Amino acid sequence: MNPRVALRLGIVVAVAAALLVVGVTSERGLWWRLLTFTYQANLLAAGYYLCTLVWPRADARAGLRGAVVLYVVMAGLVWNLFLTGHSMGYTVANLLLHVVVPVLALCDWVLVGRGEAPVAARLSWWQPVAWLVFPAAYLALALLVLNNAGRRAPYFFLDPDRVGAAAVAVNVAALAAGVLALGYALLAVGGVKRSEV
């Protein structure tokens, strides 16, 4: 099995396994977790990588691939840096979604090249800015819909009742800057010529 197939199959299997584990073991079930950015990003990643395995032409969508990598890596970084103490810790599902999938996606981004021009050659300077659309839409869901519907935001740092409106504004600005910086870092890494994998 070549590395491209192994990495992408690994991502799909890791996400499916995490969903299965949570579905079977969680008292609150799986559905409420789909409100979290982590689960949405990982489902997007599993869907994208599965499509590239079934329809290789889907791999030509470098912008979508970059967005998928950005989202799962950002979810993993935020969780590992700030949320492990606010969650159930390193459970099987958390390890799969916050460590395994981001590492596999990064490896795929860096290593898989198919002998073509670097990924960044198929991307534009503005794409990391465009990649902010999904996190911004998620933020609107968390702040406007969930908080106003009497449900707390899935992340404490987006909950004005817990940290205050000013802290939420600072957190949002920091997250946006982090997503943008990571997006441009991925663009730079994607510019390195890779051998055929």
N, C-alpha and C. Protein backbone atom coordinates (compact mmCIF):
# COMPACT_ATOMS: atom_id res chain seq x y z
N MET A 1 0.85 -1.18 0.00
CA MET A 1 0.00 0.00 0.00
C MET A 1 0.90 1.24 0.00
N ASN A 2 0.63 2.16 -0.93
CA ASN A 2 1.47 3.35 -0.99
C ASN A 2 1.12 4.33 0.14
N PRO A 3 2.04 5.24 0.48
CA PRO A 3 1.82 6.15 1.61
C PRO A 3 0.56 7.01 1.48
N ARG A 4 0.24 7.44 0.27
CA ARG A 4 -0.96 8.26 0.06
C ARG A 4 -2.20 7.51 0.53
N VAL A 5 -2.34 6.28 0.07
CA VAL A 5 -3.51 5.47 0.44
C VAL A 5 -3.48 5.16 1.93
N ALA A 6 -2.31 4.80 2.45
CA ALA A 6 -2.20 4.43 3.87
C ALA A 6 -2.57 5.60 4.78
N LEU A 7 -2.05 6.79 4.48
CA LEU A 7 -2.35 7.97 5.31
C LEU A 7 -3.84 8.31 5.27
N ARG A 8 -4.39 8.32 4.08
CA ARG A 8 -5.78 8.72 3.94
C ARG A 8 -6.74 7.68 4.49
N LEU A 9 -6.42 6.43 4.28
CA LEU A 9 -7.24 5.37 4.87
C LEU A 9 -7.14 5.43 6.39
N GLY A 10 -5.96 5.73 6.89
CA GLY A 10 -5.78 5.89 8.33
C GLY A 10 -6.65 6.98 8.91
N ILE A 11 -6.78 8.10 8.20
CA ILE A 11 -7.63 9.20 8.65
C ILE A 11 -9.09 8.76 8.69
N VAL A 12 -9.55 8.14 7.62
CA VAL A 12 -10.95 7.70 7.54
C VAL A 12 -11.25 6.69 8.66
N VAL A 13 -10.36 5.73 8.85
CA VAL A 13 -10.57 4.70 9.88
C VAL A 13 -10.52 5.33 11.28
N ALA A 14 -9.60 6.26 11.51
CA ALA A 14 -9.49 6.90 12.83
C ALA A 14 -10.76 7.67 13.18
N VAL A 15 -11.30 8.41 12.22
CA VAL A 15 -12.54 9.17 12.48
C VAL A 15 -13.70 8.21 12.73
N ALA A 16 -13.81 7.19 11.88
CA ALA A 16 -14.90 6.21 12.06
C ALA A 16 -14.79 5.51 13.41
N ALA A 17 -13.58 5.15 13.80
CA ALA A 17 -13.39 4.47 15.09
C ALA A 17 -13.75 5.40 16.25
N ALA A 18 -13.37 6.67 16.16
CA ALA A 18 -13.71 7.62 17.22
C ALA A 18 -15.21 7.78 17.35
N LEU A 19 -15.90 7.89 16.21
CA LEU A 19 -17.36 8.02 16.24
C LEU A 19 -18.00 6.78 16.84
N LEU A 20 -17.50 5.62 16.48
CA LEU A 20 -18.03 4.37 17.01
C LEU A 20 -17.82 4.28 18.52
N VAL A 21 -16.62 4.60 18.97
CA VAL A 21 -16.32 4.56 20.41
C VAL A 21 -17.23 5.50 21.18
N VAL A 22 -17.38 6.72 20.69
CA VAL A 22 -18.23 7.70 21.39
C VAL A 22 -19.69 7.26 21.34
N GLY A 23 -20.12 6.77 20.20
CA GLY A 23 -21.50 6.32 20.08
C GLY A 23 -21.85 5.19 21.03
N VAL A 24 -20.88 4.31 21.28
CA VAL A 24 -21.12 3.15 22.14
C VAL A 24 -20.90 3.47 23.62
N THR A 25 -19.95 4.34 23.93
CA THR A 25 -19.57 4.53 25.33
C THR A 25 -20.10 5.80 25.99
N SER A 26 -20.50 6.79 25.22
CA SER A 26 -20.90 8.07 25.81
C SER A 26 -22.32 8.04 26.33
N GLU A 27 -22.51 8.51 27.55
CA GLU A 27 -23.85 8.58 28.12
C GLU A 27 -24.71 9.60 27.38
N ARG A 28 -24.08 10.68 26.93
CA ARG A 28 -24.81 11.75 26.25
C ARG A 28 -24.94 11.50 24.75
N GLY A 29 -24.31 10.46 24.26
CA GLY A 29 -24.44 10.11 22.86
C GLY A 29 -23.53 10.91 21.95
N LEU A 30 -23.66 10.65 20.69
CA LEU A 30 -22.80 11.23 19.67
C LEU A 30 -23.32 12.56 19.14
N TRP A 31 -24.63 12.71 19.06
CA TRP A 31 -25.20 13.84 18.34
C TRP A 31 -24.79 15.19 18.89
N TRP A 32 -24.76 15.35 20.20
CA TRP A 32 -24.41 16.66 20.75
C TRP A 32 -22.96 17.02 20.42
N ARG A 33 -22.11 16.00 20.26
CA ARG A 33 -20.71 16.27 19.93
C ARG A 33 -20.55 16.83 18.51
N LEU A 34 -21.54 16.58 17.68
CA LEU A 34 -21.47 17.12 16.32
C LEU A 34 -21.60 18.63 16.32
N LEU A 35 -21.92 19.23 17.45
CA LEU A 35 -21.94 20.68 17.58
C LEU A 35 -20.54 21.25 17.77
N THR A 36 -19.56 20.39 17.99
CA THR A 36 -18.21 20.88 18.24
C THR A 36 -17.43 21.00 16.93
N PHE A 37 -16.53 21.97 16.91
CA PHE A 37 -15.69 22.19 15.74
C PHE A 37 -14.85 20.95 15.44
N THR A 38 -14.35 20.30 16.48
CA THR A 38 -13.52 19.10 16.30
C THR A 38 -14.24 18.04 15.50
N TYR A 39 -15.45 17.71 15.88
CA TYR A 39 -16.19 16.66 15.18
C TYR A 39 -16.54 17.09 13.76
N GLN A 40 -16.93 18.34 13.58
CA GLN A 40 -17.26 18.81 12.23
C GLN A 40 -16.02 18.76 11.34
N ALA A 41 -14.88 19.23 11.85
CA ALA A 41 -13.65 19.22 11.06
C ALA A 41 -13.21 17.80 10.73
N ASN A 42 -13.31 16.90 11.69
CA ASN A 42 -12.90 15.52 11.45
C ASN A 42 -13.83 14.80 10.48
N LEU A 43 -15.13 15.06 10.56
CA LEU A 43 -16.06 14.48 9.58
C LEU A 43 -15.77 15.02 8.19
N LEU A 44 -15.47 16.30 8.08
CA LEU A 44 -15.10 16.89 6.80
C LEU A 44 -13.84 16.21 6.26
N ALA A 45 -12.86 16.00 7.14
CA ALA A 45 -11.62 15.35 6.72
C ALA A 45 -11.87 13.92 6.25
N ALA A 46 -12.64 13.17 7.01
CA ALA A 46 -12.93 11.78 6.62
C ALA A 46 -13.64 11.75 5.27
N GLY A 47 -14.62 12.63 5.09
CA GLY A 47 -15.34 12.69 3.82
C GLY A 47 -14.44 13.06 2.66
N TYR A 48 -13.59 14.08 2.86
CA TYR A 48 -12.69 14.52 1.80
C TYR A 48 -11.71 13.41 1.42
N TYR A 49 -11.03 12.84 2.42
CA TYR A 49 -10.02 11.82 2.11
C TYR A 49 -10.64 10.55 1.53
N LEU A 50 -11.84 10.21 1.96
CA LEU A 50 -12.53 9.07 1.37
C LEU A 50 -12.82 9.35 -0.11
N CYS A 51 -13.26 10.57 -0.41
CA CYS A 51 -13.51 10.94 -1.81
C CYS A 51 -12.24 10.84 -2.65
N THR A 52 -11.09 11.26 -2.09
CA THR A 52 -9.85 11.19 -2.87
C THR A 52 -9.41 9.75 -3.11
N LEU A 53 -9.82 8.85 -2.23
CA LEU A 53 -9.49 7.44 -2.43
C LEU A 53 -10.40 6.80 -3.47
N VAL A 54 -11.66 7.22 -3.50
CA VAL A 54 -12.63 6.65 -4.43
C VAL A 54 -12.55 7.33 -5.79
N TRP A 55 -12.42 8.66 -5.80
CA TRP A 55 -12.34 9.45 -7.02
C TRP A 55 -11.05 10.26 -6.99
N PRO A 56 -9.97 9.74 -7.55
CA PRO A 56 -8.68 10.43 -7.48
C PRO A 56 -8.69 11.87 -8.00
N ARG A 57 -9.63 12.20 -8.88
CA ARG A 57 -9.69 13.58 -9.38
C ARG A 57 -10.00 14.58 -8.27
N ALA A 58 -10.64 14.12 -7.22
CA ALA A 58 -10.95 15.00 -6.08
C ALA A 58 -9.67 15.53 -5.45
N ASP A 59 -8.57 14.83 -5.66
CA ASP A 59 -7.28 15.24 -5.10
C ASP A 59 -6.78 16.53 -5.72
N ALA A 60 -7.29 16.90 -6.88
CA ALA A 60 -6.85 18.11 -7.56
C ALA A 60 -7.33 19.37 -6.86
N ARG A 61 -8.21 19.25 -5.93
CA ARG A 61 -8.77 20.41 -5.22
C ARG A 61 -7.86 20.79 -4.05
N ALA A 62 -6.73 21.42 -4.38
CA ALA A 62 -5.72 21.76 -3.37
C ALA A 62 -6.27 22.71 -2.32
N GLY A 63 -7.16 23.61 -2.70
CA GLY A 63 -7.73 24.54 -1.73
C GLY A 63 -8.55 23.83 -0.68
N LEU A 64 -9.34 22.86 -1.10
CA LEU A 64 -10.14 22.08 -0.16
C LEU A 64 -9.24 21.23 0.73
N ARG A 65 -8.23 20.64 0.13
CA ARG A 65 -7.29 19.82 0.91
C ARG A 65 -6.60 20.67 1.98
N GLY A 66 -6.16 21.87 1.60
CA GLY A 66 -5.52 22.76 2.57
C GLY A 66 -6.46 23.13 3.71
N ALA A 67 -7.71 23.41 3.37
CA ALA A 67 -8.69 23.76 4.40
C ALA A 67 -8.90 22.61 5.37
N VAL A 68 -9.03 21.41 4.85
CA VAL A 68 -9.25 20.23 5.69
C VAL A 68 -8.08 20.04 6.65
N VAL A 69 -6.87 20.14 6.13
CA VAL A 69 -5.68 19.98 6.98
C VAL A 69 -5.66 21.07 8.05
N LEU A 70 -5.91 22.29 7.64
CA LEU A 70 -5.92 23.42 8.59
C LEU A 70 -6.91 23.19 9.72
N TYR A 71 -8.11 22.78 9.39
CA TYR A 71 -9.16 22.63 10.40
C TYR A 71 -8.84 21.53 11.41
N VAL A 72 -8.37 20.38 10.94
CA VAL A 72 -8.09 19.30 11.91
C VAL A 72 -6.85 19.61 12.73
N VAL A 73 -5.86 20.25 12.12
CA VAL A 73 -4.65 20.61 12.88
C VAL A 73 -4.99 21.68 13.92
N MET A 74 -5.78 22.67 13.53
CA MET A 74 -6.16 23.72 14.49
C MET A 74 -6.98 23.13 15.63
N ALA A 75 -7.91 22.25 15.32
CA ALA A 75 -8.71 21.62 16.37
C ALA A 75 -7.81 20.83 17.32
N GLY A 76 -6.85 20.12 16.77
CA GLY A 76 -5.92 19.37 17.60
C GLY A 76 -5.05 20.26 18.47
N LEU A 77 -4.53 21.33 17.90
CA LEU A 77 -3.70 22.25 18.67
C LEU A 77 -4.47 22.90 19.81
N VAL A 78 -5.65 23.43 19.50
CA VAL A 78 -6.45 24.10 20.53
C VAL A 78 -6.79 23.13 21.64
N TRP A 79 -7.21 21.92 21.28
CA TRP A 79 -7.58 20.96 22.32
C TRP A 79 -6.37 20.58 23.18
N ASN A 80 -5.25 20.25 22.54
CA ASN A 80 -4.08 19.83 23.30
C ASN A 80 -3.48 20.94 24.15
N LEU A 81 -3.56 22.18 23.68
CA LEU A 81 -2.99 23.30 24.43
C LEU A 81 -3.91 23.85 25.50
N PHE A 82 -5.22 23.86 25.24
CA PHE A 82 -6.13 24.59 26.13
C PHE A 82 -7.29 23.79 26.72
N LEU A 83 -7.63 22.67 26.14
CA LEU A 83 -8.88 22.03 26.53
C LEU A 83 -8.75 20.68 27.23
N THR A 84 -7.58 20.12 27.32
CA THR A 84 -7.48 18.80 27.94
C THR A 84 -7.96 18.81 29.38
N GLY A 85 -7.74 19.90 30.09
CA GLY A 85 -8.20 20.01 31.47
C GLY A 85 -9.69 20.27 31.59
N HIS A 86 -10.33 20.62 30.49
CA HIS A 86 -11.77 20.91 30.49
C HIS A 86 -12.57 19.79 29.82
N SER A 87 -11.91 18.68 29.56
CA SER A 87 -12.60 17.57 28.89
C SER A 87 -12.32 16.29 29.68
N MET A 88 -12.62 15.20 29.07
CA MET A 88 -12.40 13.90 29.72
C MET A 88 -10.95 13.43 29.58
N GLY A 89 -10.09 14.28 29.04
CA GLY A 89 -8.69 13.93 28.88
C GLY A 89 -8.43 13.06 27.66
N TYR A 90 -7.36 12.32 27.72
CA TYR A 90 -6.91 11.54 26.57
C TYR A 90 -7.63 10.20 26.48
N THR A 91 -8.92 10.27 26.16
CA THR A 91 -9.68 9.06 25.89
C THR A 91 -9.31 8.56 24.50
N VAL A 92 -9.76 7.39 24.15
CA VAL A 92 -9.47 6.84 22.81
C VAL A 92 -9.98 7.79 21.73
N ALA A 93 -11.22 8.25 21.85
CA ALA A 93 -11.78 9.15 20.84
C ALA A 93 -11.01 10.46 20.77
N ASN A 94 -10.66 11.03 21.93
CA ASN A 94 -9.91 12.28 21.94
C ASN A 94 -8.53 12.11 21.31
N LEU A 95 -7.87 11.01 21.60
CA LEU A 95 -6.56 10.75 20.98
C LEU A 95 -6.69 10.64 19.46
N LEU A 96 -7.70 9.91 19.01
CA LEU A 96 -7.88 9.74 17.57
C LEU A 96 -8.16 11.07 16.88
N LEU A 97 -9.09 11.86 17.43
CA LEU A 97 -9.53 13.08 16.76
C LEU A 97 -8.59 14.27 16.96
N HIS A 98 -7.88 14.31 18.09
CA HIS A 98 -7.05 15.48 18.40
C HIS A 98 -5.56 15.25 18.23
N VAL A 99 -5.16 14.01 18.02
CA VAL A 99 -3.74 13.71 17.85
C VAL A 99 -3.51 12.93 16.55
N VAL A 100 -4.13 11.76 16.43
CA VAL A 100 -3.86 10.88 15.29
C VAL A 100 -4.27 11.53 13.96
N VAL A 101 -5.51 12.00 13.86
CA VAL A 101 -5.97 12.58 12.59
C VAL A 101 -5.15 13.82 12.21
N PRO A 102 -4.90 14.78 13.12
CA PRO A 102 -4.08 15.92 12.72
C PRO A 102 -2.67 15.53 12.26
N VAL A 103 -2.05 14.57 12.94
CA VAL A 103 -0.70 14.14 12.54
C VAL A 103 -0.74 13.48 11.17
N LEU A 104 -1.71 12.60 10.94
CA LEU A 104 -1.82 11.95 9.62
C LEU A 104 -2.10 12.97 8.52
N ALA A 105 -2.97 13.94 8.80
CA ALA A 105 -3.29 14.97 7.80
C ALA A 105 -2.06 15.82 7.48
N LEU A 106 -1.30 16.18 8.50
CA LEU A 106 -0.07 16.94 8.26
C LEU A 106 0.93 16.13 7.46
N CYS A 107 1.08 14.86 7.81
CA CYS A 107 1.99 13.99 7.04
C CYS A 107 1.54 13.90 5.59
N ASP A 108 0.24 13.77 5.37
CA ASP A 108 -0.28 13.72 4.00
C ASP A 108 0.06 15.02 3.27
N TRP A 109 -0.13 16.15 3.93
CA TRP A 109 0.13 17.46 3.31
C TRP A 109 1.60 17.59 2.93
N VAL A 110 2.48 17.14 3.80
CA VAL A 110 3.91 17.31 3.59
C VAL A 110 4.47 16.26 2.64
N LEU A 111 4.00 15.02 2.73
CA LEU A 111 4.64 13.92 2.02
C LEU A 111 4.02 13.54 0.68
N VAL A 112 2.72 13.73 0.53
CA VAL A 112 2.05 13.24 -0.67
C VAL A 112 2.15 14.28 -1.77
N GLY A 113 2.78 13.90 -2.88
CA GLY A 113 2.96 14.85 -3.96
C GLY A 113 2.65 14.33 -5.34
N ARG A 114 2.66 13.05 -5.56
CA ARG A 114 2.38 12.43 -6.86
C ARG A 114 3.26 12.98 -7.97
N GLY A 115 4.43 13.52 -7.64
CA GLY A 115 5.35 13.99 -8.66
C GLY A 115 4.91 15.24 -9.37
N GLU A 116 3.89 15.91 -8.84
CA GLU A 116 3.38 17.12 -9.48
C GLU A 116 4.08 18.34 -8.93
N ALA A 117 3.64 19.49 -9.41
CA ALA A 117 4.11 20.75 -8.85
C ALA A 117 3.72 20.79 -7.38
N PRO A 118 4.45 21.54 -6.59
CA PRO A 118 4.07 21.65 -5.18
C PRO A 118 2.62 22.08 -5.02
N VAL A 119 2.02 21.67 -3.92
CA VAL A 119 0.62 22.01 -3.65
C VAL A 119 0.42 23.51 -3.72
N ALA A 120 1.36 24.27 -3.17
CA ALA A 120 1.20 25.73 -3.13
C ALA A 120 1.14 26.34 -4.53
N ALA A 121 1.71 25.65 -5.52
CA ALA A 121 1.63 26.16 -6.89
C ALA A 121 0.19 26.15 -7.38
N ARG A 122 -0.66 25.32 -6.77
CA ARG A 122 -2.07 25.27 -7.14
C ARG A 122 -2.93 26.07 -6.17
N LEU A 123 -2.29 26.81 -5.28
CA LEU A 123 -3.00 27.64 -4.31
C LEU A 123 -2.63 29.10 -4.52
N SER A 124 -3.50 29.98 -4.10
CA SER A 124 -3.23 31.41 -4.19
C SER A 124 -2.98 31.99 -2.81
N TRP A 125 -2.36 33.15 -2.77
CA TRP A 125 -2.02 33.80 -1.50
C TRP A 125 -3.26 34.07 -0.65
N TRP A 126 -4.41 34.22 -1.28
CA TRP A 126 -5.63 34.58 -0.55
C TRP A 126 -6.35 33.37 0.04
N GLN A 127 -5.95 32.17 -0.31
CA GLN A 127 -6.70 31.00 0.16
C GLN A 127 -6.70 30.83 1.68
N PRO A 128 -5.61 31.08 2.39
CA PRO A 128 -5.72 31.01 3.85
C PRO A 128 -6.76 31.98 4.42
N VAL A 129 -6.96 33.10 3.77
CA VAL A 129 -8.02 34.03 4.20
C VAL A 129 -9.38 33.38 3.95
N ALA A 130 -9.55 32.76 2.79
CA ALA A 130 -10.82 32.09 2.47
C ALA A 130 -11.07 30.92 3.42
N TRP A 131 -10.01 30.29 3.89
CA TRP A 131 -10.17 29.16 4.81
C TRP A 131 -10.77 29.59 6.15
N LEU A 132 -10.83 30.89 6.41
CA LEU A 132 -11.46 31.40 7.64
C LEU A 132 -12.99 31.30 7.60
N VAL A 133 -13.57 31.06 6.42
CA VAL A 133 -15.03 31.07 6.29
C VAL A 133 -15.69 30.01 7.18
N PHE A 134 -15.21 28.79 7.13
CA PHE A 134 -15.83 27.74 7.95
C PHE A 134 -15.68 28.01 9.44
N PRO A 135 -14.48 28.35 9.94
CA PRO A 135 -14.39 28.68 11.37
C PRO A 135 -15.27 29.87 11.76
N ALA A 136 -15.39 30.85 10.86
CA ALA A 136 -16.26 32.01 11.15
C ALA A 136 -17.72 31.58 11.22
N ALA A 137 -18.13 30.70 10.32
CA ALA A 137 -19.51 30.20 10.35
C ALA A 137 -19.74 29.39 11.62
N TYR A 138 -18.75 28.60 12.01
CA TYR A 138 -18.86 27.85 13.26
C TYR A 138 -18.98 28.81 14.44
N LEU A 139 -18.18 29.85 14.43
CA LEU A 139 -18.22 30.84 15.50
C LEU A 139 -19.60 31.48 15.61
N ALA A 140 -20.17 31.81 14.46
CA ALA A 140 -21.52 32.39 14.46
C ALA A 140 -22.52 31.40 15.07
N LEU A 141 -22.40 30.13 14.72
CA LEU A 141 -23.27 29.11 15.32
C LEU A 141 -23.09 29.08 16.83
N ALA A 142 -21.85 29.05 17.27
CA ALA A 142 -21.57 28.94 18.71
C ALA A 142 -22.05 30.16 19.48
N LEU A 143 -21.78 31.35 18.95
CA LEU A 143 -22.10 32.57 19.69
C LEU A 143 -23.56 32.99 19.54
N LEU A 144 -24.04 32.98 18.32
CA LEU A 144 -25.37 33.53 18.09
C LEU A 144 -26.48 32.52 18.32
N VAL A 145 -26.28 31.31 17.87
CA VAL A 145 -27.35 30.32 17.95
C VAL A 145 -27.35 29.62 19.31
N LEU A 146 -26.24 29.00 19.66
CA LEU A 146 -26.22 28.20 20.89
C LEU A 146 -26.37 29.07 22.14
N ASN A 147 -25.58 30.14 22.24
CA ASN A 147 -25.67 30.98 23.43
C ASN A 147 -27.03 31.64 23.56
N ASN A 148 -27.63 32.05 22.45
CA ASN A 148 -28.94 32.70 22.50
C ASN A 148 -30.09 31.70 22.64
N ALA A 149 -29.83 30.44 22.39
CA ALA A 149 -30.87 29.42 22.52
C ALA A 149 -30.87 28.80 23.91
N GLY A 150 -30.08 29.38 24.80
CA GLY A 150 -30.03 28.87 26.16
C GLY A 150 -29.09 27.70 26.33
N ARG A 151 -28.35 27.37 25.29
CA ARG A 151 -27.35 26.30 25.40
C ARG A 151 -25.99 26.96 25.42
N ARG A 152 -25.10 26.41 26.18
CA ARG A 152 -23.76 27.01 26.24
C ARG A 152 -22.97 26.64 24.98
N ALA A 153 -22.04 27.50 24.64
CA ALA A 153 -21.14 27.20 23.53
C ALA A 153 -20.33 25.95 23.89
N PRO A 154 -20.00 25.12 22.92
CA PRO A 154 -19.27 23.89 23.22
C PRO A 154 -17.88 24.13 23.82
N TYR A 155 -17.34 25.33 23.69
CA TYR A 155 -16.01 25.62 24.22
C TYR A 155 -16.12 26.77 25.21
N PHE A 156 -15.54 26.59 26.38
CA PHE A 156 -15.67 27.59 27.44
C PHE A 156 -15.17 28.96 27.01
N PHE A 157 -14.14 29.02 26.17
CA PHE A 157 -13.57 30.30 25.79
C PHE A 157 -14.45 31.07 24.80
N LEU A 158 -15.54 30.46 24.34
CA LEU A 158 -16.51 31.15 23.48
C LEU A 158 -17.82 31.42 24.22
N ASP A 159 -17.83 31.18 25.51
CA ASP A 159 -19.05 31.33 26.31
C ASP A 159 -18.97 32.62 27.13
N PRO A 160 -19.71 33.67 26.70
CA PRO A 160 -19.64 34.95 27.42
C PRO A 160 -20.07 34.85 28.88
N ASP A 161 -20.95 33.91 29.19
CA ASP A 161 -21.39 33.75 30.58
C ASP A 161 -20.26 33.24 31.48
N ARG A 162 -19.34 32.50 30.91
CA ARG A 162 -18.24 31.93 31.71
C ARG A 162 -17.02 32.82 31.74
N VAL A 163 -16.68 33.45 30.61
CA VAL A 163 -15.43 34.21 30.57
C VAL A 163 -15.63 35.70 30.33
N GLY A 164 -16.85 36.12 30.00
CA GLY A 164 -17.12 37.52 29.73
C GLY A 164 -17.00 37.85 28.25
N ALA A 165 -17.74 38.87 27.83
CA ALA A 165 -17.77 39.25 26.42
C ALA A 165 -16.41 39.74 25.93
N ALA A 166 -15.69 40.50 26.75
CA ALA A 166 -14.38 41.01 26.34
C ALA A 166 -13.41 39.85 26.11
N ALA A 167 -13.43 38.87 27.00
CA ALA A 167 -12.53 37.72 26.84
C ALA A 167 -12.90 36.92 25.59
N VAL A 168 -14.20 36.80 25.31
CA VAL A 168 -14.61 36.09 24.09
C VAL A 168 -14.08 36.83 22.86
N ALA A 169 -14.17 38.17 22.86
CA ALA A 169 -13.67 38.96 21.73
C ALA A 169 -12.16 38.75 21.55
N VAL A 170 -11.42 38.76 22.64
CA VAL A 170 -9.97 38.52 22.56
C VAL A 170 -9.69 37.11 22.07
N ASN A 171 -10.44 36.14 22.58
CA ASN A 171 -10.25 34.74 22.16
C ASN A 171 -10.54 34.56 20.68
N VAL A 172 -11.60 35.21 20.20
CA VAL A 172 -11.95 35.11 18.78
C VAL A 172 -10.85 35.72 17.92
N ALA A 173 -10.34 36.88 18.33
CA ALA A 173 -9.25 37.51 17.57
C ALA A 173 -8.01 36.63 17.57
N ALA A 174 -7.69 36.05 18.71
CA ALA A 174 -6.51 35.17 18.80
C ALA A 174 -6.69 33.92 17.94
N LEU A 175 -7.88 33.34 17.97
CA LEU A 175 -8.15 32.16 17.14
C LEU A 175 -8.06 32.50 15.66
N ALA A 176 -8.63 33.63 15.26
CA ALA A 176 -8.57 34.04 13.85
C ALA A 176 -7.13 34.24 13.41
N ALA A 177 -6.34 34.90 14.26
CA ALA A 177 -4.92 35.11 13.93
C ALA A 177 -4.19 33.77 13.86
N GLY A 178 -4.50 32.86 14.77
CA GLY A 178 -3.87 31.54 14.77
C GLY A 178 -4.23 30.74 13.54
N VAL A 179 -5.50 30.77 13.15
CA VAL A 179 -5.94 30.04 11.95
C VAL A 179 -5.25 30.62 10.72
N LEU A 180 -5.19 31.94 10.64
CA LEU A 180 -4.56 32.58 9.49
C LEU A 180 -3.06 32.26 9.44
N ALA A 181 -2.38 32.36 10.58
CA ALA A 181 -0.94 32.05 10.62
C ALA A 181 -0.68 30.60 10.24
N LEU A 182 -1.48 29.69 10.77
CA LEU A 182 -1.31 28.28 10.44
C LEU A 182 -1.62 28.04 8.96
N GLY A 183 -2.61 28.73 8.43
CA GLY A 183 -2.93 28.61 7.00
C GLY A 183 -1.77 29.02 6.12
N TYR A 184 -1.12 30.14 6.46
CA TYR A 184 0.03 30.58 5.68
C TYR A 184 1.24 29.66 5.89
N ALA A 185 1.37 29.08 7.08
CA ALA A 185 2.44 28.10 7.30
C ALA A 185 2.22 26.86 6.43
N LEU A 186 0.97 26.41 6.34
CA LEU A 186 0.66 25.27 5.47
C LEU A 186 0.94 25.62 4.01
N LEU A 187 0.60 26.83 3.62
CA LEU A 187 0.87 27.28 2.25
C LEU A 187 2.37 27.25 1.98
N ALA A 188 3.17 27.71 2.94
CA ALA A 188 4.63 27.71 2.78
C ALA A 188 5.17 26.29 2.70
N VAL A 189 4.70 25.41 3.58
CA VAL A 189 5.16 24.02 3.57
C VAL A 189 4.70 23.34 2.29
N GLY A 190 3.51 23.69 1.81
CA GLY A 190 3.00 23.11 0.57
C GLY A 190 3.78 23.54 -0.65
N GLY A 191 4.61 24.58 -0.51
CA GLY A 191 5.41 25.06 -1.63
C GLY A 191 6.69 24.27 -1.85
N VAL A 192 7.00 23.36 -0.95
CA VAL A 192 8.21 22.56 -1.07
C VAL A 192 7.96 21.42 -2.05
N LYS A 193 8.81 21.29 -3.02
CA LYS A 193 8.68 20.22 -4.03
C LYS A 193 8.84 18.86 -3.38
N ARG A 194 7.91 17.97 -3.65
CA ARG A 194 7.96 16.63 -3.08
C ARG A 194 8.23 15.61 -4.17
N SER A 195 8.85 14.53 -3.77
CA SER A 195 9.03 13.43 -4.73
C SER A 195 7.72 12.68 -4.84
N GLU A 196 7.63 11.85 -5.84
CA GLU A 196 6.39 11.09 -6.05
C GLU A 196 6.17 10.10 -4.92
N VAL A 197 4.96 10.14 -4.37
CA VAL A 197 4.59 9.22 -3.29
C VAL A 197 3.32 8.52 -3.69
